[in-house]
Amino acid sequence: MTNARGPSSETFEETTGSDACVCSIGNATEHYVTGILGLVATLVVGLQVYPWLQSIADTMSYLGSTWLVFSFAAIWLVCWIALEVAWEWRAGRVHLP
C-alpha cells in the first residue's frame, strides 16, 4: 500500500467475533420496508397529535413551521428505529439485554 509519504508495510485486519457490529444490514429491502412503515406510522401518529403540535407552533411566531417539520421528522426517526430494531430482533439478528 502506498500513501503520500511512500510505501507502507502496514497490514489491516478486520475484527470478527463478539465485538463485531450488530447493525449491518443483510438485506436493503428490509431497511426500506421499515422506513416506509415508519413513515406510515408517522402519518397515523402525526394526525393524532397534530392539534397539539399546532397549538405549540402558534406560540412561536417565526419558528412555528420549523417546529412542525422537526416534530414530524423526529417522530419518523423514532418510529423507523423502533421498527428496525423490532424487525432485526424478530429475525434473530439482534439480541436485546
Protein backbone atom coordinates (compact mmCIF):
# COMPACT_ATOMS: atom_id res chain seq x y z
CA MET A 1 0.00 0.00 0.00
CA THR A 2 1.38 3.42 -0.86
CA ASN A 3 0.39 6.77 0.50
CA ALA A 4 1.63 10.36 0.14
CA ARG A 5 4.75 9.59 2.19
CA GLY A 6 5.75 6.48 0.25
CA PRO A 7 5.32 2.73 0.53
CA SER A 8 3.93 1.32 3.72
CA SER A 9 4.17 -2.14 5.21
CA GLU A 10 1.11 -1.77 7.40
CA THR A 11 -1.48 -4.51 7.22
CA PHE A 12 -5.11 -4.07 8.09
CA GLU A 13 -7.10 -6.87 9.63
CA GLU A 14 -10.83 -6.99 10.15
CA THR A 15 -12.01 -7.98 13.58
CA THR A 16 -14.60 -10.68 13.85
CA GLY A 17 -16.26 -12.10 16.89
CA SER A 18 -18.28 -10.66 19.72
CA ASP A 19 -17.03 -7.10 19.11
CA ALA A 20 -18.36 -7.04 15.54
CA CYS A 21 -21.09 -4.58 14.66
CA VAL A 22 -24.59 -5.99 15.03
CA CYS A 23 -26.08 -3.22 12.93
CA SER A 24 -25.08 -4.48 9.49
CA ILE A 25 -27.95 -4.67 7.05
CA GLY A 26 -28.19 -8.02 5.34
CA ASN A 27 -30.99 -7.07 3.00
CA ALA A 28 -31.61 -3.48 1.93
CA THR A 29 -35.25 -4.26 1.16
CA GLU A 30 -35.91 -4.84 4.87
CA HIS A 31 -34.40 -1.43 5.63
CA TYR A 32 -36.59 0.27 3.02
CA VAL A 33 -39.72 -1.52 4.21
CA THR A 34 -39.15 -0.42 7.80
CA GLY A 35 -38.59 3.15 6.58
CA ILE A 36 -41.88 3.14 4.69
CA LEU A 37 -43.71 1.55 7.63
CA GLY A 38 -42.15 4.20 9.87
CA LEU A 39 -43.50 6.89 7.55
CA VAL A 40 -46.98 5.36 7.66
CA ALA A 41 -46.79 5.18 11.47
CA THR A 42 -45.68 8.81 11.49
CA LEU A 43 -48.71 9.83 9.46
CA VAL A 44 -51.03 7.95 11.80
CA VAL A 45 -49.41 9.35 14.95
CA GLY A 46 -48.99 12.79 13.36
CA LEU A 47 -52.70 13.07 12.59
CA GLN A 48 -53.48 12.27 16.21
CA VAL A 49 -51.05 14.80 17.73
CA TYR A 50 -51.33 17.49 15.06
CA PRO A 51 -53.73 19.74 17.06
CA TRP A 52 -51.31 19.69 19.99
CA LEU A 53 -48.32 20.39 17.73
CA GLN A 54 -50.22 23.20 16.01
CA SER A 55 -51.06 24.85 19.34
CA ILE A 56 -47.35 24.84 20.24
CA ALA A 57 -46.41 26.15 16.78
CA ASP A 58 -48.88 29.03 17.14
CA THR A 59 -47.00 30.34 20.17
CA MET A 60 -43.78 30.64 18.13
CA SER A 61 -44.27 33.34 15.54
CA TYR A 62 -41.19 32.75 13.37
CA LEU A 63 -40.28 29.15 14.11
CA GLY A 64 -43.74 27.56 14.03
CA SER A 65 -43.36 25.80 10.70
CA THR A 66 -39.83 24.71 11.61
CA TRP A 67 -41.22 23.21 14.81
CA LEU A 68 -43.81 21.22 12.86
CA VAL A 69 -41.28 19.89 10.35
CA PHE A 70 -38.79 18.99 13.09
CA SER A 71 -41.51 17.26 15.10
CA PHE A 72 -42.66 15.11 12.19
CA ALA A 73 -39.05 14.26 11.29
CA ALA A 74 -38.34 13.25 14.89
CA ILE A 75 -41.48 11.11 15.05
CA TRP A 76 -40.49 9.39 11.79
CA LEU A 77 -36.97 8.73 13.05
CA VAL A 78 -38.20 7.23 16.32
CA CYS A 79 -40.79 5.06 14.53
CA TRP A 80 -38.23 3.91 11.95
CA ILE A 81 -35.62 2.99 14.56
CA ALA A 82 -38.18 1.15 16.69
CA LEU A 83 -39.45 -0.83 13.70
CA GLU A 84 -35.91 -1.58 12.51
CA VAL A 85 -34.86 -2.91 15.92
CA ALA A 86 -38.10 -4.91 16.26
CA TRP A 87 -37.61 -6.42 12.79
CA GLU A 88 -33.99 -7.37 13.47
CA TRP A 89 -34.88 -8.78 16.90
CA ARG A 90 -37.70 -10.83 15.40
CA ALA A 91 -35.31 -12.14 12.72
CA GLY A 92 -32.86 -13.17 15.46
CA ARG A 93 -30.02 -10.91 14.35
CA VAL A 94 -30.11 -8.61 17.39
CA HIS A 95 -30.16 -9.79 20.98
CA LEU A 96 -31.51 -7.16 23.34
CA PRO A 97 -30.47 -7.35 27.01
